[in-house]
Amino acid sequence: MTMSLFPLILAVLEQPALLSAGVELPQKLFGLFTFYFASFSDFLAMASNGISYSFFVWLSFGLTYLLLVGLMGWSVYQQRQLKQQLAAKLAREQRIKQYQEQQT
């Protein structure tokens, strides 16, 4: 049954007019990119055929970038902590070595 649906799905994907219900999309943006929205304001609102997904789309972008910035900040913090720990360990080892040399 799956094999019989594949040509139908492929035919629908090759003809975007079947999915957009007669709306004349897509257009070329700056002659380079395919633009699937009627206008730039529709792009920002993520509105296509009256359905707006902007809240979910921009929220997911915002959370993604927030998490990436948080991850970079945490990595910098961990690197500083590691450097401080290594410096403290080396200083301690040096003090121990000096003490042992004084004892002999």
N, C-alpha and C. Protein backbone atom coordinates (compact mmCIF):
# COMPACT_ATOMS: atom_id res chain seq x y z
N MET A 1 0.83 -1.19 0.00
CA MET A 1 0.00 0.00 0.00
C MET A 1 0.87 1.26 0.00
N THR A 2 1.98 1.22 0.68
CA THR A 2 2.87 2.37 0.72
C THR A 2 3.46 2.66 -0.65
N MET A 3 3.77 1.64 -1.39
CA MET A 3 4.36 1.83 -2.72
C MET A 3 3.36 2.50 -3.66
N SER A 4 2.06 2.26 -3.50
CA SER A 4 1.09 2.88 -4.38
C SER A 4 0.85 4.35 -4.03
N LEU A 5 1.12 4.75 -2.79
CA LEU A 5 0.95 6.14 -2.39
C LEU A 5 2.12 7.01 -2.83
N PHE A 6 3.29 6.42 -3.02
CA PHE A 6 4.49 7.19 -3.36
C PHE A 6 4.32 8.01 -4.64
N PRO A 7 3.84 7.42 -5.76
CA PRO A 7 3.66 8.25 -6.97
C PRO A 7 2.66 9.39 -6.78
N LEU A 8 1.62 9.15 -5.98
CA LEU A 8 0.64 10.19 -5.72
C LEU A 8 1.25 11.34 -4.91
N ILE A 9 2.00 11.00 -3.88
CA ILE A 9 2.66 12.02 -3.07
C ILE A 9 3.66 12.80 -3.91
N LEU A 10 4.41 12.10 -4.74
CA LEU A 10 5.38 12.75 -5.61
C LEU A 10 4.69 13.71 -6.59
N ALA A 11 3.55 13.31 -7.13
CA ALA A 11 2.81 14.17 -8.06
C ALA A 11 2.31 15.43 -7.36
N VAL A 12 1.85 15.29 -6.12
CA VAL A 12 1.36 16.45 -5.37
C VAL A 12 2.51 17.40 -5.05
N LEU A 13 3.66 16.86 -4.68
CA LEU A 13 4.80 17.71 -4.34
C LEU A 13 5.36 18.43 -5.56
N GLU A 14 5.23 17.83 -6.72
CA GLU A 14 5.73 18.47 -7.94
C GLU A 14 4.81 19.58 -8.42
N GLN A 15 3.57 19.60 -7.98
CA GLN A 15 2.62 20.62 -8.41
C GLN A 15 2.13 21.39 -7.19
N PRO A 16 2.79 22.48 -6.84
CA PRO A 16 2.40 23.23 -5.64
C PRO A 16 1.01 23.85 -5.73
N ALA A 17 0.45 23.99 -6.94
CA ALA A 17 -0.89 24.57 -7.08
C ALA A 17 -1.93 23.67 -6.41
N LEU A 18 -1.67 22.36 -6.35
CA LEU A 18 -2.61 21.47 -5.68
C LEU A 18 -2.64 21.72 -4.18
N LEU A 19 -1.54 22.15 -3.61
CA LEU A 19 -1.47 22.39 -2.18
C LEU A 19 -1.92 23.79 -1.81
N SER A 20 -1.69 24.77 -2.67
CA SER A 20 -1.98 26.16 -2.31
C SER A 20 -3.38 26.61 -2.73
N ALA A 21 -4.17 25.74 -3.26
CA ALA A 21 -5.57 26.02 -3.62
C ALA A 21 -5.70 27.23 -4.53
N GLY A 22 -4.87 27.31 -5.55
CA GLY A 22 -5.00 28.34 -6.56
C GLY A 22 -4.24 29.62 -6.29
N VAL A 23 -3.64 29.80 -5.14
CA VAL A 23 -2.86 30.99 -4.85
C VAL A 23 -1.56 30.91 -5.65
N GLU A 24 -1.21 32.01 -6.32
CA GLU A 24 -0.03 31.99 -7.18
C GLU A 24 1.24 32.16 -6.36
N LEU A 25 1.74 31.09 -5.85
CA LEU A 25 2.99 31.02 -5.12
C LEU A 25 3.79 29.91 -5.78
N PRO A 26 5.01 29.86 -5.71
CA PRO A 26 6.04 30.70 -5.13
C PRO A 26 6.54 31.76 -6.10
N GLN A 27 7.29 32.70 -5.57
CA GLN A 27 7.92 33.76 -6.34
C GLN A 27 9.40 33.72 -6.07
N LYS A 28 10.16 34.39 -6.92
CA LYS A 28 11.61 34.48 -6.68
C LYS A 28 11.90 35.73 -5.86
N LEU A 29 12.61 35.56 -4.76
CA LEU A 29 12.99 36.67 -3.91
C LEU A 29 14.40 37.08 -4.28
N PHE A 30 14.57 38.32 -4.71
CA PHE A 30 15.85 38.85 -5.17
C PHE A 30 16.42 38.04 -6.33
N GLY A 31 15.57 37.30 -6.99
CA GLY A 31 16.01 36.50 -8.12
C GLY A 31 16.81 35.27 -7.73
N LEU A 32 16.94 35.02 -6.44
CA LEU A 32 17.75 33.90 -5.97
C LEU A 32 16.96 32.85 -5.22
N PHE A 33 16.13 33.30 -4.28
CA PHE A 33 15.46 32.38 -3.37
C PHE A 33 13.99 32.28 -3.72
N THR A 34 13.44 31.10 -3.56
CA THR A 34 12.02 30.91 -3.77
C THR A 34 11.27 31.42 -2.55
N PHE A 35 10.34 32.32 -2.76
CA PHE A 35 9.59 32.96 -1.68
C PHE A 35 8.17 32.41 -1.70
N TYR A 36 7.76 31.71 -0.66
CA TYR A 36 6.48 31.02 -0.64
C TYR A 36 5.36 31.82 0.03
N PHE A 37 5.59 33.10 0.28
CA PHE A 37 4.56 33.93 0.90
C PHE A 37 4.15 35.03 -0.07
N ALA A 38 2.94 35.54 0.09
CA ALA A 38 2.42 36.55 -0.82
C ALA A 38 3.12 37.89 -0.63
N SER A 39 3.57 38.19 0.59
CA SER A 39 4.26 39.44 0.86
C SER A 39 5.23 39.23 2.01
N PHE A 40 6.07 40.24 2.25
CA PHE A 40 7.03 40.15 3.34
C PHE A 40 6.32 40.18 4.70
N SER A 41 5.22 40.93 4.80
CA SER A 41 4.46 40.94 6.06
C SER A 41 3.84 39.58 6.33
N ASP A 42 3.41 38.87 5.28
CA ASP A 42 2.93 37.50 5.46
C ASP A 42 4.06 36.59 5.93
N PHE A 43 5.26 36.86 5.44
CA PHE A 43 6.42 36.08 5.90
C PHE A 43 6.65 36.29 7.39
N LEU A 44 6.64 37.56 7.84
CA LEU A 44 6.85 37.83 9.25
C LEU A 44 5.73 37.26 10.10
N ALA A 45 4.51 37.29 9.58
CA ALA A 45 3.37 36.73 10.31
C ALA A 45 3.24 35.23 10.08
N MET A 46 4.05 34.70 9.18
CA MET A 46 3.99 33.28 8.79
C MET A 46 2.57 32.88 8.41
N ALA A 47 1.92 33.78 7.66
CA ALA A 47 0.54 33.54 7.27
C ALA A 47 0.50 33.05 5.83
N SER A 48 -0.10 31.93 5.64
CA SER A 48 -0.30 31.39 4.30
C SER A 48 -1.72 30.83 4.26
N ASN A 49 -2.53 31.33 3.36
CA ASN A 49 -3.92 30.91 3.23
C ASN A 49 -4.72 31.17 4.50
N GLY A 50 -4.39 32.26 5.19
CA GLY A 50 -5.16 32.66 6.36
C GLY A 50 -4.77 31.99 7.66
N ILE A 51 -3.83 31.08 7.63
CA ILE A 51 -3.40 30.39 8.85
C ILE A 51 -2.07 30.98 9.29
N SER A 52 -2.00 31.43 10.54
CA SER A 52 -0.78 32.05 11.04
C SER A 52 -0.07 31.12 12.00
N TYR A 53 1.21 30.86 11.70
CA TYR A 53 2.04 30.03 12.55
C TYR A 53 3.16 30.85 13.18
N SER A 54 3.04 32.17 13.12
CA SER A 54 4.15 33.03 13.52
C SER A 54 4.54 32.84 14.98
N PHE A 55 3.58 32.70 15.88
CA PHE A 55 3.93 32.54 17.29
C PHE A 55 4.82 31.33 17.50
N PHE A 56 4.46 30.21 16.91
CA PHE A 56 5.22 28.98 17.11
C PHE A 56 6.57 29.03 16.40
N VAL A 57 6.59 29.59 15.20
CA VAL A 57 7.83 29.65 14.43
C VAL A 57 8.84 30.57 15.11
N TRP A 58 8.42 31.80 15.42
CA TRP A 58 9.36 32.75 16.01
C TRP A 58 9.72 32.37 17.44
N LEU A 59 8.80 31.73 18.17
CA LEU A 59 9.12 31.23 19.50
C LEU A 59 10.18 30.14 19.42
N SER A 60 10.07 29.25 18.44
CA SER A 60 11.08 28.19 18.31
C SER A 60 12.43 28.76 17.91
N PHE A 61 12.43 29.76 17.02
CA PHE A 61 13.70 30.42 16.67
C PHE A 61 14.30 31.11 17.89
N GLY A 62 13.47 31.83 18.63
CA GLY A 62 13.96 32.54 19.81
C GLY A 62 14.52 31.60 20.86
N LEU A 63 13.80 30.52 21.14
CA LEU A 63 14.29 29.56 22.12
C LEU A 63 15.59 28.89 21.66
N THR A 64 15.66 28.59 20.38
CA THR A 64 16.87 27.97 19.86
C THR A 64 18.07 28.88 20.04
N TYR A 65 17.92 30.15 19.65
CA TYR A 65 19.05 31.08 19.79
C TYR A 65 19.36 31.36 21.25
N LEU A 66 18.34 31.42 22.10
CA LEU A 66 18.58 31.62 23.52
C LEU A 66 19.37 30.44 24.10
N LEU A 67 19.00 29.23 23.73
CA LEU A 67 19.73 28.06 24.21
C LEU A 67 21.16 28.02 23.66
N LEU A 68 21.34 28.41 22.41
CA LEU A 68 22.70 28.43 21.85
C LEU A 68 23.58 29.46 22.56
N VAL A 69 23.03 30.63 22.84
CA VAL A 69 23.79 31.65 23.57
C VAL A 69 24.08 31.17 24.98
N GLY A 70 23.11 30.54 25.62
CA GLY A 70 23.31 29.98 26.95
C GLY A 70 24.39 28.90 26.95
N LEU A 71 24.38 28.06 25.94
CA LEU A 71 25.39 27.00 25.83
C LEU A 71 26.78 27.59 25.64
N MET A 72 26.88 28.64 24.82
CA MET A 72 28.18 29.28 24.63
C MET A 72 28.65 29.94 25.93
N GLY A 73 27.75 30.60 26.64
CA GLY A 73 28.10 31.22 27.91
C GLY A 73 28.54 30.17 28.93
N TRP A 74 27.82 29.06 29.01
CA TRP A 74 28.18 27.99 29.94
C TRP A 74 29.54 27.39 29.59
N SER A 75 29.82 27.26 28.29
CA SER A 75 31.11 26.72 27.86
C SER A 75 32.26 27.65 28.26
N VAL A 76 32.07 28.95 28.10
CA VAL A 76 33.10 29.92 28.51
C VAL A 76 33.29 29.86 30.01
N TYR A 77 32.20 29.77 30.77
CA TYR A 77 32.28 29.68 32.22
C TYR A 77 33.04 28.42 32.64
N GLN A 78 32.72 27.29 32.04
CA GLN A 78 33.39 26.04 32.38
C GLN A 78 34.88 26.09 32.03
N GLN A 79 35.21 26.72 30.91
CA GLN A 79 36.61 26.84 30.51
C GLN A 79 37.38 27.68 31.53
N ARG A 80 36.79 28.78 31.99
CA ARG A 80 37.45 29.61 33.01
C ARG A 80 37.63 28.84 34.31
N GLN A 81 36.61 28.10 34.70
CA GLN A 81 36.70 27.31 35.93
C GLN A 81 37.81 26.26 35.82
N LEU A 82 37.92 25.61 34.68
CA LEU A 82 38.95 24.60 34.47
C LEU A 82 40.34 25.23 34.54
N LYS A 83 40.51 26.39 33.92
CA LYS A 83 41.80 27.07 33.96
C LYS A 83 42.17 27.46 35.39
N GLN A 84 41.19 27.94 36.15
CA GLN A 84 41.46 28.30 37.55
C GLN A 84 41.82 27.07 38.37
N GLN A 85 41.12 25.96 38.15
CA GLN A 85 41.43 24.74 38.88
C GLN A 85 42.82 24.22 38.54
N LEU A 86 43.18 24.27 37.25
CA LEU A 86 44.51 23.83 36.84
C LEU A 86 45.59 24.72 37.44
N ALA A 87 45.36 26.02 37.44
CA ALA A 87 46.34 26.95 38.02
C ALA A 87 46.49 26.69 39.51
N ALA A 88 45.38 26.45 40.21
CA ALA A 88 45.45 26.16 41.65
C ALA A 88 46.17 24.84 41.91
N LYS A 89 45.92 23.85 41.08
CA LYS A 89 46.58 22.55 41.25
C LYS A 89 48.08 22.67 41.01
N LEU A 90 48.46 23.39 39.96
CA LEU A 90 49.89 23.57 39.68
C LEU A 90 50.58 24.35 40.79
N ALA A 91 49.92 25.38 41.33
CA ALA A 91 50.50 26.16 42.42
C ALA A 91 50.65 25.29 43.67
N ARG A 92 49.67 24.46 43.94
CA ARG A 92 49.74 23.56 45.10
C ARG A 92 50.89 22.56 44.93
N GLU A 93 51.00 21.98 43.73
CA GLU A 93 52.09 21.03 43.49
C GLU A 93 53.45 21.70 43.64
N GLN A 94 53.53 22.95 43.20
CA GLN A 94 54.79 23.69 43.32
C GLN A 94 55.11 23.97 44.79
N ARG A 95 54.10 24.34 45.57
CA ARG A 95 54.32 24.56 47.01
C ARG A 95 54.75 23.28 47.71
N ILE A 96 54.14 22.16 47.35
CA ILE A 96 54.50 20.87 47.94
C ILE A 96 55.94 20.52 47.59
N LYS A 97 56.31 20.76 46.33
CA LYS A 97 57.68 20.47 45.89
C LYS A 97 58.69 21.35 46.64
N GLN A 98 58.38 22.63 46.80
CA GLN A 98 59.27 23.53 47.55
C GLN A 98 59.39 23.10 49.01
N TYR A 99 58.29 22.69 49.61
CA TYR A 99 58.32 22.25 51.01
C TYR A 99 59.18 21.00 51.16
N GLN A 100 59.02 20.06 50.19
CA GLN A 100 59.82 18.83 50.26
C GLN A 100 61.30 19.12 50.07
N GLU A 101 61.64 20.09 49.24
CA GLU A 101 63.04 20.46 49.05
C GLU A 101 63.61 21.12 50.30
N GLN A 102 62.80 21.89 50.99
CA GLN A 102 63.25 22.53 52.23
C GLN A 102 63.50 21.49 53.34
N GLN A 103 62.71 20.43 53.34
CA GLN A 103 62.82 19.41 54.37
C GLN A 103 64.08 18.53 54.20
N THR A 104 64.55 18.44 52.97
CA THR A 104 65.74 17.61 52.74
C THR A 104 67.02 18.37 52.82
